[in-house]
Amino acid sequence: MTVGERMDEILGKVGLPYAFNAFPTQSKVYKPPDPPFITYLIYESSNFFADNTVYSKIHSVGIELYTDSYSPSIEAKVEKVLMEQEIAWEQEREWIDDEKMYQIVYSFQITEREDLEDG
C-alpha cells in the first residue's frame, strides 16, 4: 500500500473533508470547504536500504487540522483514528491570525514496504 493510499484509509475514517497539500483554489466552479477540514503533507523520506536496494520507504507525514474555533471533540476524533491505526504522533497547535483559524498539526511516520520474495 502506498503512502497516499494509507493516508486515504486513515483520513477517510476521520470523516472530515481532506486534501493532499491544499484544496484547489477558489473559482466559480469550486469553493474550498468551510472549517473544520484537513490537509496533509509528505515532508520527506528516510528510507531503510542495503545492497543498493530500498527495503522500506519511511515517510514523514503531517496532518494539518484546521478549525475556526477551539474544538477538543474534533481533535479527539482525529487522535482516536490515529490511535486505532497504531500511529505514534506528536501534536502542535497554533492560531493563524490572518486566517482566523486554528491549525493543529499531527506529525508521524508511515512505512511503506514491499514484501520480499523468496528465491
N, C-alpha and C. Protein backbone atom coordinates (compact mmCIF):
# COMPACT_ATOMS: atom_id res chain seq x y z
N MET A 1 0.85 -1.17 0.00
CA MET A 1 0.00 0.00 0.00
C MET A 1 0.91 1.24 0.00
N THR A 2 0.65 2.17 -0.90
CA THR A 2 1.45 3.39 -0.97
C THR A 2 1.08 4.32 0.18
N VAL A 3 1.92 5.31 0.42
CA VAL A 3 1.64 6.27 1.49
C VAL A 3 0.36 7.04 1.20
N GLY A 4 0.10 7.37 -0.05
CA GLY A 4 -1.15 8.06 -0.41
C GLY A 4 -2.38 7.22 -0.13
N GLU A 5 -2.32 5.94 -0.48
CA GLU A 5 -3.43 5.03 -0.20
C GLU A 5 -3.65 4.88 1.30
N ARG A 6 -2.54 4.80 2.05
CA ARG A 6 -2.63 4.68 3.52
C ARG A 6 -3.27 5.93 4.11
N MET A 7 -2.89 7.11 3.61
CA MET A 7 -3.48 8.35 4.12
C MET A 7 -4.97 8.43 3.78
N ASP A 8 -5.36 7.97 2.59
CA ASP A 8 -6.79 7.93 2.25
C ASP A 8 -7.55 7.04 3.22
N GLU A 9 -6.95 5.89 3.56
CA GLU A 9 -7.57 4.97 4.51
C GLU A 9 -7.74 5.63 5.88
N ILE A 10 -6.69 6.28 6.36
CA ILE A 10 -6.72 6.91 7.68
C ILE A 10 -7.69 8.08 7.70
N LEU A 11 -7.54 9.00 6.76
CA LEU A 11 -8.35 10.22 6.79
C LEU A 11 -9.81 9.96 6.43
N GLY A 12 -10.07 8.92 5.66
CA GLY A 12 -11.45 8.55 5.37
C GLY A 12 -12.21 8.18 6.63
N LYS A 13 -11.51 7.65 7.63
CA LYS A 13 -12.15 7.27 8.90
C LYS A 13 -12.41 8.47 9.80
N VAL A 14 -11.71 9.58 9.57
CA VAL A 14 -11.93 10.78 10.38
C VAL A 14 -13.27 11.42 10.02
N GLY A 15 -13.62 11.40 8.73
CA GLY A 15 -14.92 11.91 8.32
C GLY A 15 -14.97 13.40 8.03
N LEU A 16 -13.83 14.06 7.90
CA LEU A 16 -13.79 15.48 7.53
C LEU A 16 -13.27 15.60 6.10
N PRO A 17 -13.62 16.70 5.41
CA PRO A 17 -13.02 16.90 4.08
C PRO A 17 -11.50 16.96 4.21
N TYR A 18 -10.79 16.35 3.23
CA TYR A 18 -9.33 16.40 3.28
C TYR A 18 -8.77 16.45 1.87
N ALA A 19 -7.52 16.93 1.79
CA ALA A 19 -6.82 17.02 0.50
C ALA A 19 -5.33 16.92 0.75
N PHE A 20 -4.60 16.46 -0.25
CA PHE A 20 -3.15 16.48 -0.18
C PHE A 20 -2.67 17.91 -0.43
N ASN A 21 -1.85 18.42 0.45
CA ASN A 21 -1.23 19.74 0.37
C ASN A 21 -2.23 20.89 0.53
N ALA A 22 -3.20 21.02 -0.35
CA ALA A 22 -4.16 22.13 -0.28
C ALA A 22 -5.38 21.79 -1.13
N PHE A 23 -6.49 22.41 -0.81
CA PHE A 23 -7.66 22.28 -1.65
C PHE A 23 -7.46 23.17 -2.88
N PRO A 24 -8.08 22.83 -4.00
CA PRO A 24 -7.94 23.70 -5.18
C PRO A 24 -8.37 25.14 -4.84
N THR A 25 -7.77 26.08 -5.51
CA THR A 25 -8.11 27.48 -5.24
C THR A 25 -9.55 27.76 -5.61
N GLN A 26 -10.09 28.75 -4.97
CA GLN A 26 -11.49 29.10 -5.19
C GLN A 26 -11.71 29.55 -6.63
N SER A 27 -12.79 29.10 -7.21
CA SER A 27 -13.16 29.50 -8.56
C SER A 27 -14.68 29.57 -8.63
N LYS A 28 -15.20 29.88 -9.79
CA LYS A 28 -16.66 29.91 -9.96
C LYS A 28 -17.26 28.53 -9.78
N VAL A 29 -16.47 27.50 -10.08
CA VAL A 29 -16.96 26.13 -10.04
C VAL A 29 -16.74 25.49 -8.67
N TYR A 30 -15.65 25.83 -8.01
CA TYR A 30 -15.28 25.13 -6.78
C TYR A 30 -15.01 26.11 -5.66
N LYS A 31 -15.56 25.83 -4.49
CA LYS A 31 -15.30 26.60 -3.29
C LYS A 31 -14.72 25.65 -2.25
N PRO A 32 -13.54 25.97 -1.69
CA PRO A 32 -12.97 25.10 -0.66
C PRO A 32 -13.94 24.93 0.51
N PRO A 33 -13.82 23.84 1.25
CA PRO A 33 -14.75 23.61 2.36
C PRO A 33 -14.55 24.61 3.50
N ASP A 34 -15.62 24.84 4.23
CA ASP A 34 -15.51 25.62 5.45
C ASP A 34 -14.87 24.73 6.52
N PRO A 35 -14.21 25.35 7.51
CA PRO A 35 -13.63 24.54 8.59
C PRO A 35 -14.73 23.83 9.38
N PRO A 36 -14.44 22.68 9.94
CA PRO A 36 -13.15 22.02 10.01
C PRO A 36 -12.84 21.23 8.74
N PHE A 37 -11.55 21.19 8.39
CA PHE A 37 -11.07 20.38 7.29
C PHE A 37 -9.62 20.01 7.55
N ILE A 38 -9.11 19.10 6.72
CA ILE A 38 -7.75 18.58 6.91
C ILE A 38 -6.98 18.67 5.59
N THR A 39 -5.72 19.05 5.70
CA THR A 39 -4.78 18.84 4.60
C THR A 39 -3.66 17.96 5.16
N TYR A 40 -2.96 17.29 4.27
CA TYR A 40 -1.81 16.52 4.73
C TYR A 40 -0.66 16.70 3.77
N LEU A 41 0.54 16.56 4.32
CA LEU A 41 1.77 16.71 3.55
C LEU A 41 2.67 15.51 3.79
N ILE A 42 3.46 15.18 2.80
CA ILE A 42 4.51 14.19 2.94
C ILE A 42 5.81 14.98 2.84
N TYR A 43 6.48 15.15 3.98
CA TYR A 43 7.62 16.06 4.05
C TYR A 43 8.88 15.49 3.43
N GLU A 44 9.23 14.30 3.81
CA GLU A 44 10.49 13.72 3.36
C GLU A 44 10.46 12.22 3.61
N SER A 45 11.48 11.54 3.10
CA SER A 45 11.61 10.13 3.41
C SER A 45 13.00 9.89 3.99
N SER A 46 13.09 8.90 4.85
CA SER A 46 14.38 8.46 5.37
C SER A 46 14.32 6.95 5.31
N ASN A 47 14.68 6.43 4.15
CA ASN A 47 14.46 5.03 3.82
C ASN A 47 15.47 4.10 4.48
N PHE A 48 15.04 2.85 4.63
CA PHE A 48 15.92 1.79 5.08
C PHE A 48 16.40 1.04 3.84
N PHE A 49 17.71 0.97 3.67
CA PHE A 49 18.23 0.33 2.47
C PHE A 49 19.53 -0.41 2.77
N ALA A 50 19.82 -1.37 1.89
CA ALA A 50 21.07 -2.12 1.94
C ALA A 50 21.24 -2.81 0.59
N ASP A 51 22.48 -3.11 0.24
CA ASP A 51 22.76 -3.82 -1.02
C ASP A 51 22.14 -3.11 -2.23
N ASN A 52 22.21 -1.79 -2.23
CA ASN A 52 21.68 -0.97 -3.33
C ASN A 52 20.18 -1.15 -3.55
N THR A 53 19.46 -1.47 -2.48
CA THR A 53 18.01 -1.68 -2.56
C THR A 53 17.32 -0.97 -1.41
N VAL A 54 16.20 -0.33 -1.70
CA VAL A 54 15.37 0.25 -0.64
C VAL A 54 14.42 -0.85 -0.17
N TYR A 55 14.56 -1.24 1.09
CA TYR A 55 13.71 -2.28 1.65
C TYR A 55 12.42 -1.71 2.23
N SER A 56 12.51 -0.51 2.80
CA SER A 56 11.33 0.15 3.36
C SER A 56 11.43 1.64 3.09
N LYS A 57 10.33 2.21 2.60
CA LYS A 57 10.24 3.66 2.45
C LYS A 57 9.61 4.21 3.73
N ILE A 58 10.31 5.09 4.40
CA ILE A 58 9.81 5.66 5.65
C ILE A 58 9.52 7.13 5.41
N HIS A 59 8.23 7.47 5.39
CA HIS A 59 7.78 8.82 5.05
C HIS A 59 7.43 9.61 6.31
N SER A 60 7.92 10.84 6.39
CA SER A 60 7.49 11.77 7.44
C SER A 60 6.26 12.50 6.94
N VAL A 61 5.18 12.43 7.71
CA VAL A 61 3.87 12.92 7.29
C VAL A 61 3.35 13.92 8.31
N GLY A 62 2.60 14.89 7.83
CA GLY A 62 1.92 15.83 8.71
C GLY A 62 0.46 15.96 8.32
N ILE A 63 -0.42 15.75 9.27
CA ILE A 63 -1.85 16.02 9.09
C ILE A 63 -2.10 17.40 9.69
N GLU A 64 -2.68 18.30 8.92
CA GLU A 64 -2.98 19.65 9.40
C GLU A 64 -4.49 19.80 9.51
N LEU A 65 -4.97 19.86 10.73
CA LEU A 65 -6.39 20.05 11.01
C LEU A 65 -6.64 21.54 11.19
N TYR A 66 -7.62 22.08 10.47
CA TYR A 66 -7.98 23.50 10.58
C TYR A 66 -9.38 23.63 11.14
N THR A 67 -9.52 24.44 12.18
CA THR A 67 -10.83 24.72 12.79
C THR A 67 -10.96 26.22 13.01
N ASP A 68 -12.18 26.72 12.99
CA ASP A 68 -12.36 28.16 13.22
C ASP A 68 -12.57 28.48 14.70
N SER A 69 -12.68 27.45 15.54
CA SER A 69 -12.74 27.65 16.98
C SER A 69 -12.08 26.44 17.65
N TYR A 70 -11.65 26.62 18.87
CA TYR A 70 -11.01 25.53 19.59
C TYR A 70 -12.03 24.41 19.77
N SER A 71 -11.66 23.20 19.35
CA SER A 71 -12.61 22.09 19.38
C SER A 71 -11.94 20.80 19.85
N PRO A 72 -11.94 20.58 21.17
CA PRO A 72 -11.35 19.34 21.69
C PRO A 72 -12.02 18.08 21.12
N SER A 73 -13.31 18.16 20.81
CA SER A 73 -14.00 16.96 20.31
C SER A 73 -13.52 16.59 18.90
N ILE A 74 -13.23 17.57 18.06
CA ILE A 74 -12.71 17.27 16.72
C ILE A 74 -11.28 16.74 16.82
N GLU A 75 -10.47 17.34 17.68
CA GLU A 75 -9.12 16.84 17.89
C GLU A 75 -9.16 15.40 18.40
N ALA A 76 -10.07 15.13 19.32
CA ALA A 76 -10.20 13.78 19.88
C ALA A 76 -10.58 12.77 18.79
N LYS A 77 -11.39 13.20 17.84
CA LYS A 77 -11.80 12.32 16.74
C LYS A 77 -10.59 11.93 15.88
N VAL A 78 -9.76 12.91 15.54
CA VAL A 78 -8.54 12.64 14.76
C VAL A 78 -7.61 11.74 15.56
N GLU A 79 -7.41 12.06 16.83
CA GLU A 79 -6.50 11.30 17.67
C GLU A 79 -6.98 9.86 17.87
N LYS A 80 -8.28 9.67 17.96
CA LYS A 80 -8.83 8.32 18.11
C LYS A 80 -8.50 7.46 16.89
N VAL A 81 -8.66 8.05 15.70
CA VAL A 81 -8.34 7.30 14.48
C VAL A 81 -6.85 6.97 14.42
N LEU A 82 -5.99 7.93 14.77
CA LEU A 82 -4.55 7.67 14.78
C LEU A 82 -4.20 6.57 15.77
N MET A 83 -4.81 6.59 16.93
CA MET A 83 -4.55 5.56 17.94
C MET A 83 -5.05 4.19 17.45
N GLU A 84 -6.24 4.15 16.85
CA GLU A 84 -6.77 2.89 16.32
C GLU A 84 -5.87 2.31 15.23
N GLN A 85 -5.22 3.19 14.48
CA GLN A 85 -4.32 2.76 13.41
C GLN A 85 -2.90 2.49 13.92
N GLU A 86 -2.72 2.58 15.24
CA GLU A 86 -1.44 2.34 15.91
C GLU A 86 -0.34 3.24 15.35
N ILE A 87 -0.69 4.53 15.22
CA ILE A 87 0.25 5.54 14.76
C ILE A 87 0.68 6.39 15.94
N ALA A 88 1.99 6.43 16.18
CA ALA A 88 2.55 7.28 17.23
C ALA A 88 2.75 8.67 16.63
N TRP A 89 2.19 9.70 17.27
CA TRP A 89 2.20 11.04 16.70
C TRP A 89 2.60 12.08 17.73
N GLU A 90 3.02 13.22 17.21
CA GLU A 90 3.28 14.43 18.00
C GLU A 90 2.30 15.49 17.52
N GLN A 91 1.93 16.41 18.41
CA GLN A 91 0.95 17.43 18.06
C GLN A 91 1.48 18.83 18.37
N GLU A 92 1.17 19.77 17.49
CA GLU A 92 1.43 21.20 17.71
C GLU A 92 0.15 21.96 17.37
N ARG A 93 -0.12 23.03 18.11
CA ARG A 93 -1.32 23.84 17.86
C ARG A 93 -0.91 25.30 17.72
N GLU A 94 -1.53 25.98 16.76
CA GLU A 94 -1.20 27.39 16.52
C GLU A 94 -2.45 28.12 16.04
N TRP A 95 -2.62 29.36 16.50
CA TRP A 95 -3.67 30.24 15.99
C TRP A 95 -3.09 31.02 14.82
N ILE A 96 -3.75 30.97 13.67
CA ILE A 96 -3.31 31.72 12.49
C ILE A 96 -4.19 32.96 12.41
N ASP A 97 -3.65 34.08 12.84
CA ASP A 97 -4.44 35.31 12.96
C ASP A 97 -4.99 35.78 11.62
N ASP A 98 -4.18 35.72 10.57
CA ASP A 98 -4.62 36.18 9.24
C ASP A 98 -5.81 35.38 8.72
N GLU A 99 -5.84 34.10 9.04
CA GLU A 99 -6.91 33.21 8.57
C GLU A 99 -8.05 33.07 9.58
N LYS A 100 -7.80 33.51 10.81
CA LYS A 100 -8.78 33.35 11.90
C LYS A 100 -9.15 31.88 12.08
N MET A 101 -8.10 31.04 12.12
CA MET A 101 -8.29 29.61 12.29
C MET A 101 -7.18 29.04 13.15
N TYR A 102 -7.51 27.94 13.82
CA TYR A 102 -6.50 27.14 14.50
C TYR A 102 -5.94 26.14 13.51
N GLN A 103 -4.66 25.89 13.62
CA GLN A 103 -4.00 24.83 12.86
C GLN A 103 -3.42 23.86 13.88
N ILE A 104 -3.87 22.62 13.82
CA ILE A 104 -3.37 21.58 14.70
C ILE A 104 -2.64 20.58 13.81
N VAL A 105 -1.33 20.42 14.03
CA VAL A 105 -0.51 19.56 13.19
C VAL A 105 -0.16 18.28 13.95
N TYR A 106 -0.45 17.14 13.33
CA TYR A 106 -0.07 15.84 13.84
C TYR A 106 1.07 15.32 12.96
N SER A 107 2.23 15.08 13.55
CA SER A 107 3.40 14.61 12.80
C SER A 107 3.69 13.16 13.17
N PHE A 108 3.99 12.35 12.17
CA PHE A 108 4.29 10.94 12.39
C PHE A 108 4.99 10.37 11.16
N GLN A 109 5.31 9.09 11.23
CA GLN A 109 5.93 8.40 10.10
C GLN A 109 5.07 7.23 9.65
N ILE A 110 5.11 6.99 8.35
CA ILE A 110 4.44 5.84 7.75
C ILE A 110 5.49 5.05 6.98
N THR A 111 5.51 3.74 7.20
CA THR A 111 6.45 2.87 6.50
C THR A 111 5.72 2.16 5.37
N GLU A 112 6.31 2.25 4.19
CA GLU A 112 5.79 1.59 3.00
C GLU A 112 6.79 0.51 2.65
N ARG A 113 6.34 -0.75 2.66
CA ARG A 113 7.30 -1.85 2.50
C ARG A 113 6.81 -2.82 1.43
N GLU A 114 7.71 -3.20 0.56
CA GLU A 114 7.43 -4.25 -0.43
C GLU A 114 7.75 -5.58 0.22
N ASP A 115 6.89 -6.55 0.07
CA ASP A 115 7.19 -7.89 0.58
C ASP A 115 8.34 -8.49 -0.23
N LEU A 116 9.30 -9.01 0.47
CA LEU A 116 10.43 -9.64 -0.20
C LEU A 116 10.04 -11.05 -0.63
N GLU A 117 10.38 -11.39 -1.87
CA GLU A 117 10.06 -12.72 -2.39
C GLU A 117 11.20 -13.68 -2.09
N ASP A 118 10.84 -14.91 -1.77
CA ASP A 118 11.86 -15.95 -1.59
C ASP A 118 12.38 -16.34 -2.98
N GLY A 119 13.68 -16.61 -3.04
CA GLY A 119 14.04 -17.05 -4.34
C GLY A 119 15.40 -16.90 -4.72
